[in-house]
């Protein structure tokens, strides 16, 4: 259990730091401690970054609402379908019209502000009706009708739903709630060449797991970005992929990651190294020996294998609680294949990682927590910490802020 008195204590400024009021441009942290994280070889963030719900509120506003958040796979949104998703400190209604066009609207009726659909729920039909006073909108967001005629004050063409920015990318939906993030293509600069061979837009969800992680969402990201810990907690992984293998990227955009290689004789990441599916048609040559581990800021983790893609979508519920949705995407060529060879391997590995992250969460709550230096093998973790620290100091998430 988090020590709430410590959380409050660590949220106050230290010497040289500032703790702005809610809505300020810098995070409610000791900013000198944050700046120290930027210096090579880098170190973890101050304790309050993992413990304080005030810091999480800042992150929801700046990192999540201010960036491009992955809202999951787009295939689940068929024509005449809509769903409401939480995006940072806001809620957005995703709507697929009859022609297949995806649109986003803020999840609020133009009459009295009632939400149009509870977050996490889904509905179908040709119209969107507010459950409070039954104002009805069409799938383009135009106000179609109100219960009674009230004259010019209710001119339908002036009271449509307020649009929100959405984009589709390789079968994923991304939402920018603030409306002022750089274009998604700029945030993902340089990534297309890495992911194109995997043709993720062709893939379908073969399996899905939900995890409740008793740790801060950033700890899951930090753990994902390094295999320095693999010899200690992942014996199954080390048998099929050497923990010191591969290379890291130096991206221009808001993403990070690197690759690892498979041992001789292994086809993929599974308990035996054997694949029970079908190789992705675009993955050939040297790519057949690699697994790509990529993080699209802030909340999508992509693990690209020769025969499947695994995704993690992170949803920070509280400072010490993260919901993780993990999915395994398979190509049409593997229709009928049993995905358990991939699911069982990664479910075990995920749970090993979650145990480690929860141990760190308990550790940072200790009075004895003092961030130590990163090892050279934690280079990408330092890249990620640098991006978060820069957002804490500047109040915005932008490719230009990457160090």
Protein backbone atom coordinates (compact mmCIF):
# COMPACT_ATOMS: atom_id res chain seq x y z
CA UNK A 1 0.00 0.00 0.00
CA UNK A 2 1.29 3.47 -0.89
CA UNK A 3 2.30 5.66 2.06
CA UNK A 4 0.09 8.68 1.40
CA UNK A 5 2.02 10.89 3.78
CA UNK A 6 5.20 10.15 1.82
CA UNK A 7 3.42 10.83 -1.45
CA UNK A 8 2.41 14.25 -0.22
CA UNK A 9 5.86 14.94 1.21
CA UNK A 10 7.63 14.04 -2.05
CA UNK A 11 5.24 16.22 -4.05
CA UNK A 12 6.46 19.35 -2.29
CA UNK A 13 9.35 21.26 -3.85
CA UNK A 14 12.89 20.72 -2.62
CA UNK A 15 15.73 23.23 -2.78
CA UNK A 16 15.71 25.01 -6.12
CA UNK A 17 12.51 23.25 -7.24
CA UNK A 18 9.03 24.52 -7.86
CA UNK A 19 5.63 22.93 -7.36
CA UNK A 20 3.11 24.87 -9.45
CA UNK A 21 -0.60 24.90 -8.84
CA UNK A 22 -2.80 22.50 -10.77
CA UNK A 23 -2.73 23.40 -14.45
CA UNK A 24 0.81 24.82 -14.28
CA UNK A 25 3.29 24.27 -17.09
CA UNK A 26 5.73 22.25 -14.99
CA UNK A 27 5.07 19.11 -12.99
CA UNK A 28 4.53 19.22 -9.20
CA UNK A 29 7.98 17.81 -8.49
CA UNK A 30 11.41 18.91 -7.32
CA UNK A 31 12.57 20.16 -10.71
CA UNK A 32 16.26 19.99 -9.81
CA UNK A 33 15.80 16.27 -9.21
CA UNK A 34 14.04 16.01 -12.56
CA UNK A 35 16.91 17.82 -14.34
CA UNK A 36 19.38 15.39 -12.78
CA UNK A 37 17.67 12.56 -14.69
CA UNK A 38 18.74 14.17 -17.99
CA UNK A 39 22.46 13.84 -17.30
CA UNK A 40 24.18 10.72 -18.73
CA UNK A 41 24.06 7.92 -17.81
CA UNK A 42 20.72 8.98 -16.37
CA UNK A 43 18.69 7.70 -13.46
CA UNK A 44 15.11 7.02 -12.44
CA UNK A 45 12.71 9.83 -11.70
CA UNK A 46 12.03 11.23 -8.21
CA UNK A 47 9.82 9.04 -6.02
CA UNK A 48 6.77 11.29 -6.36
CA UNK A 49 6.76 10.70 -10.13
CA UNK A 50 5.69 7.12 -9.35
CA UNK A 51 3.67 7.72 -6.17
CA UNK A 52 1.77 10.99 -6.53
CA UNK A 53 -1.68 11.21 -8.12
CA UNK A 54 -0.97 14.94 -8.59
CA UNK A 55 1.88 13.98 -10.92
CA UNK A 56 -0.40 11.51 -12.71
CA UNK A 57 -2.96 14.30 -13.18
CA UNK A 58 -0.22 16.38 -14.82
CA UNK A 59 0.70 13.43 -17.04
CA UNK A 60 -2.91 12.90 -18.07
CA UNK A 61 -3.14 16.54 -19.12
CA UNK A 62 0.28 16.95 -20.76
CA UNK A 63 1.55 13.52 -21.82
CA UNK A 64 -1.73 11.76 -22.60
CA UNK A 65 -4.16 14.52 -23.62
CA UNK A 66 -1.30 16.45 -25.20
CA UNK A 67 -0.01 13.52 -27.26
CA UNK A 68 -1.37 10.77 -29.50
CA UNK A 69 -2.87 8.04 -27.33
CA UNK A 70 -3.51 4.60 -28.78
CA UNK A 71 -7.18 3.67 -28.32
CA UNK A 72 -6.76 0.10 -29.58
CA UNK A 73 -7.37 -1.69 -32.86
CA UNK A 74 -9.65 -0.06 -35.43
CA UNK A 75 -11.11 -3.35 -36.71
CA UNK A 76 -13.58 -3.42 -33.81
CA UNK A 77 -15.22 -0.26 -35.11
CA UNK A 78 -17.38 -1.37 -38.01
CA UNK A 79 -19.83 0.84 -39.93
CA UNK A 80 -22.48 2.49 -37.73
CA UNK A 81 -20.44 1.67 -34.61
CA UNK A 82 -19.22 3.99 -31.89
CA UNK A 83 -17.32 3.67 -28.65
CA UNK A 84 -16.25 6.09 -25.93
CA UNK A 85 -12.63 6.11 -24.74
CA UNK A 86 -10.85 7.94 -21.95
CA UNK A 87 -7.94 10.00 -23.29
CA UNK A 88 -5.90 11.64 -20.57
CA UNK A 89 -8.19 13.98 -18.69
CA UNK A 90 -10.92 13.87 -21.34
CA UNK A 91 -13.31 11.48 -23.08
CA UNK A 92 -13.67 11.03 -26.84
CA UNK A 93 -16.39 9.32 -28.88
CA UNK A 94 -15.01 7.31 -31.80
CA UNK A 95 -17.55 6.90 -34.60
CA UNK A 96 -17.41 4.91 -37.83
CA UNK A 97 -20.02 6.18 -40.30
CA UNK A 98 -21.83 4.15 -42.94
CA UNK A 99 -19.12 4.85 -45.53
CA UNK A 100 -16.37 3.58 -43.23
CA UNK A 101 -14.95 7.01 -42.29
CA UNK A 102 -13.63 7.19 -38.73
CA UNK A 103 -14.41 10.38 -36.81
CA UNK A 104 -13.78 11.57 -33.28
CA UNK A 105 -15.97 13.85 -31.18
CA UNK A 106 -15.68 15.02 -27.61
CA UNK A 107 -18.02 12.80 -25.64
CA UNK A 108 -20.40 15.55 -24.58
CA UNK A 109 -23.86 16.66 -25.72
CA UNK A 110 -24.18 20.27 -26.95
CA UNK A 111 -27.33 20.79 -24.87
CA UNK A 112 -26.58 20.28 -21.16
CA UNK A 113 -23.19 18.56 -21.27
CA UNK A 114 -24.23 14.97 -20.56
CA UNK A 115 -21.83 12.30 -21.80
CA UNK A 116 -23.11 10.60 -24.92
CA UNK A 117 -21.77 7.16 -24.00
CA UNK A 118 -20.03 5.84 -20.86
CA UNK A 119 -16.30 5.25 -21.38
CA UNK A 120 -15.55 1.69 -22.36
CA UNK A 121 -19.02 1.04 -23.78
CA UNK A 122 -20.06 0.54 -27.40
CA UNK A 123 -23.22 1.16 -29.41
CA UNK A 124 -24.47 0.77 -32.96
CA UNK A 125 -27.04 2.51 -35.12
CA UNK A 126 -27.50 5.32 -37.61
CA UNK A 127 -27.86 8.01 -34.94
CA UNK A 128 -26.25 9.11 -31.66
CA UNK A 129 -28.84 10.00 -29.00
CA UNK A 130 -27.99 11.76 -25.77
CA UNK A 131 -29.54 9.71 -22.92
CA UNK A 132 -30.47 12.85 -20.92
CA UNK A 133 -32.79 14.92 -23.14
CA UNK A 134 -32.70 12.84 -26.34
CA UNK A 135 -30.90 15.28 -28.58
CA UNK A 136 -30.04 13.21 -31.63
CA UNK A 137 -26.94 13.53 -33.86
CA UNK A 138 -26.06 11.77 -37.09
CA UNK A 139 -22.78 9.88 -37.55
CA UNK A 140 -21.06 12.96 -38.99
CA UNK A 141 -21.74 14.81 -35.72
CA UNK A 142 -24.50 17.02 -37.11
CA UNK A 143 -27.45 17.69 -34.79
CA UNK A 144 -30.32 15.91 -36.52
CA UNK A 145 -33.26 16.69 -34.22
CA UNK A 146 -34.36 17.75 -30.74
CA UNK A 147 -37.53 16.62 -28.96
CA UNK A 148 -39.46 19.85 -29.68
CA UNK A 149 -39.07 22.84 -32.00
CA UNK A 150 -37.63 25.79 -30.11
CA UNK A 151 -37.03 28.13 -33.02
CA UNK A 152 -33.81 29.73 -34.23
CA UNK A 153 -32.02 29.30 -30.90
CA UNK A 154 -31.81 25.62 -31.75
CA UNK A 155 -30.55 25.93 -35.31
CA UNK A 156 -29.36 22.41 -36.04
CA UNK A 157 -26.38 23.42 -38.15
CA UNK A 158 -24.83 25.39 -35.27
CA UNK A 159 -25.06 22.74 -32.59
CA UNK A 160 -23.16 19.77 -33.94
CA UNK A 161 -20.77 17.69 -31.86
CA UNK A 162 -17.32 19.18 -31.30
CA UNK A 163 -14.74 17.24 -33.36
CA UNK A 164 -11.64 15.66 -31.80
CA UNK A 165 -8.48 14.64 -33.67
CA UNK A 166 -8.25 10.97 -34.58
CA UNK A 167 -6.01 9.04 -36.97
CA UNK A 168 -5.69 5.44 -38.09
CA UNK A 169 -2.23 3.93 -38.43
CA UNK A 170 -1.58 0.31 -39.43
CA UNK A 171 -4.89 -0.82 -37.94
CA UNK A 172 -4.59 1.19 -34.71
CA UNK A 173 -6.66 4.21 -33.66
CA UNK A 174 -4.85 7.22 -32.17
CA UNK A 175 -6.52 10.17 -30.46
CA UNK A 176 -5.16 13.61 -29.58
CA UNK A 177 -7.54 15.12 -27.00
CA UNK A 178 -5.81 18.52 -26.69
CA UNK A 179 -6.05 19.13 -30.44
CA UNK A 180 -2.60 20.74 -30.63
CA UNK A 181 -0.14 17.83 -30.84
CA UNK A 182 2.15 17.69 -33.88
CA UNK A 183 0.84 15.48 -36.71
CA UNK A 184 1.01 11.79 -35.89
CA UNK A 185 3.42 11.29 -38.79
CA UNK A 186 5.86 13.74 -37.18
CA UNK A 187 5.63 11.94 -33.84
CA UNK A 188 6.40 8.64 -35.56
CA UNK A 189 9.13 9.99 -37.83
CA UNK A 190 11.46 7.21 -38.99
CA UNK A 191 9.25 4.40 -37.67
CA UNK A 192 7.53 3.49 -40.94
CA UNK A 193 10.59 1.75 -42.36
CA UNK A 194 10.78 -0.46 -39.25
CA UNK A 195 7.14 -1.55 -39.10
CA UNK A 196 6.16 -1.68 -42.80
CA UNK A 197 7.25 -5.32 -43.42
CA UNK A 198 4.89 -6.55 -40.70
CA UNK A 199 1.76 -5.18 -42.44
CA UNK A 200 -0.07 -4.79 -39.14
CA UNK A 201 -3.20 -3.49 -40.84
CA UNK A 202 -3.73 -7.05 -42.18
CA UNK A 203 -3.51 -8.71 -38.78
CA UNK A 204 -6.40 -9.75 -36.56
CA UNK A 205 -6.61 -10.28 -32.82
CA UNK A 206 -6.11 -13.98 -32.05
CA UNK A 207 -6.01 -13.61 -28.24
CA UNK A 208 -6.32 -10.90 -25.60
CA UNK A 209 -5.43 -10.70 -21.90
CA UNK A 210 -6.19 -7.99 -19.34
CA UNK A 211 -3.75 -7.41 -16.49
CA UNK A 212 -4.08 -5.27 -13.36
CA UNK A 213 -0.60 -4.06 -12.51
CA UNK A 214 -0.01 -2.70 -8.99
CA UNK A 215 2.63 -0.26 -10.24
CA UNK A 216 2.97 3.07 -11.98
CA UNK A 217 2.52 2.95 -15.75
CA UNK A 218 6.01 4.37 -16.36
CA UNK A 219 7.61 1.44 -14.57
CA UNK A 220 6.07 -0.92 -17.13
CA UNK A 221 7.62 1.19 -19.89
CA UNK A 222 11.02 1.37 -18.18
CA UNK A 223 11.04 -2.40 -17.75
CA UNK A 224 10.05 -2.96 -21.39
CA UNK A 225 12.96 -0.92 -22.68
CA UNK A 226 15.77 -3.05 -21.26
CA UNK A 227 16.79 -6.68 -20.97
CA UNK A 228 19.42 -6.01 -18.30
CA UNK A 229 16.98 -7.76 -15.95
CA UNK A 230 16.35 -10.75 -18.23
CA UNK A 231 19.00 -13.17 -16.87
CA UNK A 232 17.59 -12.71 -13.37
CA UNK A 233 13.88 -13.18 -14.01
CA UNK A 234 13.31 -14.50 -17.56
CA UNK A 235 15.02 -17.91 -17.98
CA UNK A 236 12.52 -18.96 -20.66
CA UNK A 237 13.17 -15.81 -22.70
CA UNK A 238 16.94 -16.18 -22.43
CA UNK A 239 16.77 -19.69 -23.89
CA UNK A 240 15.36 -18.39 -27.18
CA UNK A 241 16.81 -14.86 -27.38
CA UNK A 242 20.18 -13.72 -25.91
CA UNK A 243 19.55 -10.78 -23.53
CA UNK A 244 22.65 -8.92 -24.79
CA UNK A 245 21.71 -9.21 -28.48
CA UNK A 246 20.38 -6.66 -30.95
CA UNK A 247 20.63 -2.92 -31.45
CA UNK A 248 18.81 0.18 -30.24
CA UNK A 249 17.31 2.94 -32.36
CA UNK A 250 17.99 6.66 -32.12
CA UNK A 251 14.62 7.97 -33.29
CA UNK A 252 13.67 11.53 -34.22
CA UNK A 253 10.04 11.18 -33.17
CA UNK A 254 8.18 10.26 -30.03
CA UNK A 255 8.99 6.58 -30.04
CA UNK A 256 11.83 4.42 -28.80
CA UNK A 257 13.01 0.86 -28.95
CA UNK A 258 15.38 -1.67 -30.40
CA UNK A 259 15.69 -5.25 -31.56
CA UNK A 260 16.88 -8.58 -30.18
CA UNK A 261 17.88 -11.69 -32.10
CA UNK A 262 16.73 -15.28 -31.89
CA UNK A 263 19.12 -18.08 -31.03
CA UNK A 264 20.12 -20.47 -33.80
CA UNK A 265 17.28 -22.90 -34.44
CA UNK A 266 14.57 -20.70 -32.91
CA UNK A 267 11.80 -19.48 -35.22
CA UNK A 268 10.07 -17.13 -32.80
CA UNK A 269 9.53 -16.30 -29.12
CA UNK A 270 7.85 -19.39 -27.64
CA UNK A 271 8.68 -21.97 -24.99
CA UNK A 272 10.46 -24.17 -27.55
CA UNK A 273 11.38 -21.51 -30.09
CA UNK A 274 9.05 -23.16 -32.61
CA UNK A 275 6.23 -21.33 -34.37
CA UNK A 276 2.74 -22.73 -34.40
CA UNK A 277 1.49 -20.14 -36.86
CA UNK A 278 2.60 -18.73 -40.20
CA UNK A 279 5.42 -16.33 -40.98
CA UNK A 280 4.35 -12.82 -41.94
CA UNK A 281 4.70 -12.55 -45.75
CA UNK A 282 6.66 -9.28 -45.64
CA UNK A 283 9.15 -10.51 -43.06
CA UNK A 284 12.07 -12.02 -44.93
CA UNK A 285 15.86 -12.31 -44.81
CA UNK A 286 17.52 -10.94 -41.64
CA UNK A 287 14.13 -9.96 -40.18
CA UNK A 288 13.38 -13.65 -39.68
CA UNK A 289 16.08 -13.66 -36.99
CA UNK A 290 14.89 -10.52 -35.17
CA UNK A 291 12.21 -9.37 -32.76
CA UNK A 292 11.51 -5.63 -32.66
CA UNK A 293 10.50 -4.01 -29.35
CA UNK A 294 8.99 -0.56 -29.92
CA UNK A 295 7.25 2.00 -27.74
CA UNK A 296 4.97 4.61 -29.31
CA UNK A 297 4.62 7.36 -26.72
CA UNK A 298 2.88 7.35 -24.44
CA UNK A 299 0.93 4.09 -24.13
CA UNK A 300 1.48 1.56 -26.96
CA UNK A 301 4.15 -1.17 -26.84
CA UNK A 302 4.71 -3.14 -30.06
CA UNK A 303 6.61 -6.41 -30.12
CA UNK A 304 7.10 -7.51 -33.74
CA UNK A 305 7.91 -11.19 -34.31
CA UNK A 306 8.46 -13.06 -37.56
CA UNK A 307 5.04 -14.72 -37.20
CA UNK A 308 2.93 -12.51 -34.94
CA UNK A 309 2.74 -9.08 -33.31
CA UNK A 310 2.13 -8.61 -29.60
CA UNK A 311 0.78 -5.31 -28.28
CA UNK A 312 0.46 -3.78 -24.83
CA UNK A 313 -1.84 -0.78 -24.32
CA UNK A 314 -1.30 0.95 -20.97
CA UNK A 315 -4.06 2.73 -19.07
CA UNK A 316 -2.94 4.50 -15.86
CA UNK A 317 -5.81 4.07 -13.40
CA UNK A 318 -3.97 5.61 -10.43
CA UNK A 319 -0.38 6.46 -9.56
CA UNK A 320 0.19 2.91 -8.37
CA UNK A 321 -2.28 1.04 -10.58
CA UNK A 322 -2.12 0.37 -14.32
CA UNK A 323 -4.51 -1.56 -16.52
CA UNK A 324 -2.65 -3.39 -19.30
CA UNK A 325 -4.40 -4.83 -22.35
CA UNK A 326 -2.19 -7.35 -24.13
CA UNK A 327 -3.17 -8.71 -27.56
CA UNK A 328 -1.63 -11.17 -30.00
CA UNK A 329 -2.16 -10.32 -33.69
CA UNK A 330 -1.90 -13.03 -36.31
CA UNK A 331 -1.94 -12.88 -40.14
CA UNK A 332 -4.73 -14.35 -42.30
CA UNK A 333 -2.27 -17.05 -43.40
CA UNK A 334 -2.40 -18.46 -39.84
CA UNK A 335 -6.19 -18.87 -39.82
CA UNK A 336 -7.12 -21.76 -37.56
CA UNK A 337 -3.74 -21.83 -35.81
CA UNK A 338 -3.68 -22.18 -32.04
CA UNK A 339 -2.09 -18.96 -30.68
CA UNK A 340 -1.25 -20.54 -27.33
CA UNK A 341 2.41 -21.09 -28.27
CA UNK A 342 2.82 -17.29 -28.29
CA UNK A 343 0.26 -16.48 -25.59
CA UNK A 344 1.61 -18.93 -23.02
CA UNK A 345 5.19 -17.74 -23.48
CA UNK A 346 4.38 -14.07 -23.13
CA UNK A 347 1.77 -14.49 -20.40
CA UNK A 348 4.48 -16.10 -18.27
CA UNK A 349 6.98 -13.39 -19.25
CA UNK A 350 4.45 -10.61 -18.64
CA UNK A 351 3.72 -11.91 -15.15
CA UNK A 352 7.44 -12.10 -14.39
CA UNK A 353 7.75 -8.47 -15.50
CA UNK A 354 4.70 -7.34 -13.51
CA UNK A 355 6.15 -8.89 -10.37
CA UNK A 356 9.38 -6.95 -10.93
CA UNK A 357 7.52 -3.68 -11.59
CA UNK A 358 5.44 -4.12 -8.46
CA UNK A 359 8.64 -4.73 -6.48
CA UNK A 360 10.04 -1.44 -7.80
CA UNK A 361 6.78 0.34 -6.93
CA UNK A 362 7.12 -0.82 -3.33
CA UNK A 363 10.79 0.14 -3.37
CA UNK A 364 10.30 3.73 -4.54
CA UNK A 365 7.84 4.22 -1.65
CA UNK A 366 10.65 3.55 0.82
CA UNK A 367 12.41 6.37 2.65
CA UNK A 368 15.62 4.71 1.45
CA UNK A 369 14.86 5.21 -2.25
CA UNK A 370 17.65 7.16 -3.94
CA UNK A 371 17.82 6.85 -7.76
CA UNK A 372 20.98 5.11 -8.95
CA UNK A 373 22.72 5.39 -12.34
CA UNK A 374 21.53 3.42 -15.36
CA UNK A 375 23.74 0.71 -16.79
CA UNK A 376 24.83 0.99 -20.45
CA UNK A 377 22.30 -1.75 -21.26
CA UNK A 378 19.54 0.62 -20.07
CA UNK A 379 20.20 3.17 -22.79
CA UNK A 380 16.64 3.16 -24.17
CA UNK A 381 15.19 3.42 -20.67
CA UNK A 382 17.26 6.59 -20.32
CA UNK A 383 15.82 7.87 -23.62
CA UNK A 384 12.32 7.32 -22.24
CA UNK A 385 13.10 8.97 -18.89
CA UNK A 386 14.56 11.93 -20.80
CA UNK A 387 11.32 12.40 -22.71
CA UNK A 388 9.20 12.25 -19.56
CA UNK A 389 11.54 14.58 -17.64
CA UNK A 390 11.46 17.07 -20.52
CA UNK A 391 7.65 17.04 -20.44
CA UNK A 392 7.77 17.65 -16.68
CA UNK A 393 10.02 20.68 -17.22
CA UNK A 394 8.34 22.22 -20.29
CA UNK A 395 4.69 21.27 -19.96
CA UNK A 396 4.48 19.74 -23.41
CA UNK A 397 5.27 16.56 -25.28
CA UNK A 398 6.90 17.15 -28.64
CA UNK A 399 9.45 15.46 -30.88
CA UNK A 400 11.48 18.67 -30.70
CA UNK A 401 11.95 18.11 -26.97
CA UNK A 402 13.71 14.77 -27.35
CA UNK A 403 17.32 14.85 -26.20
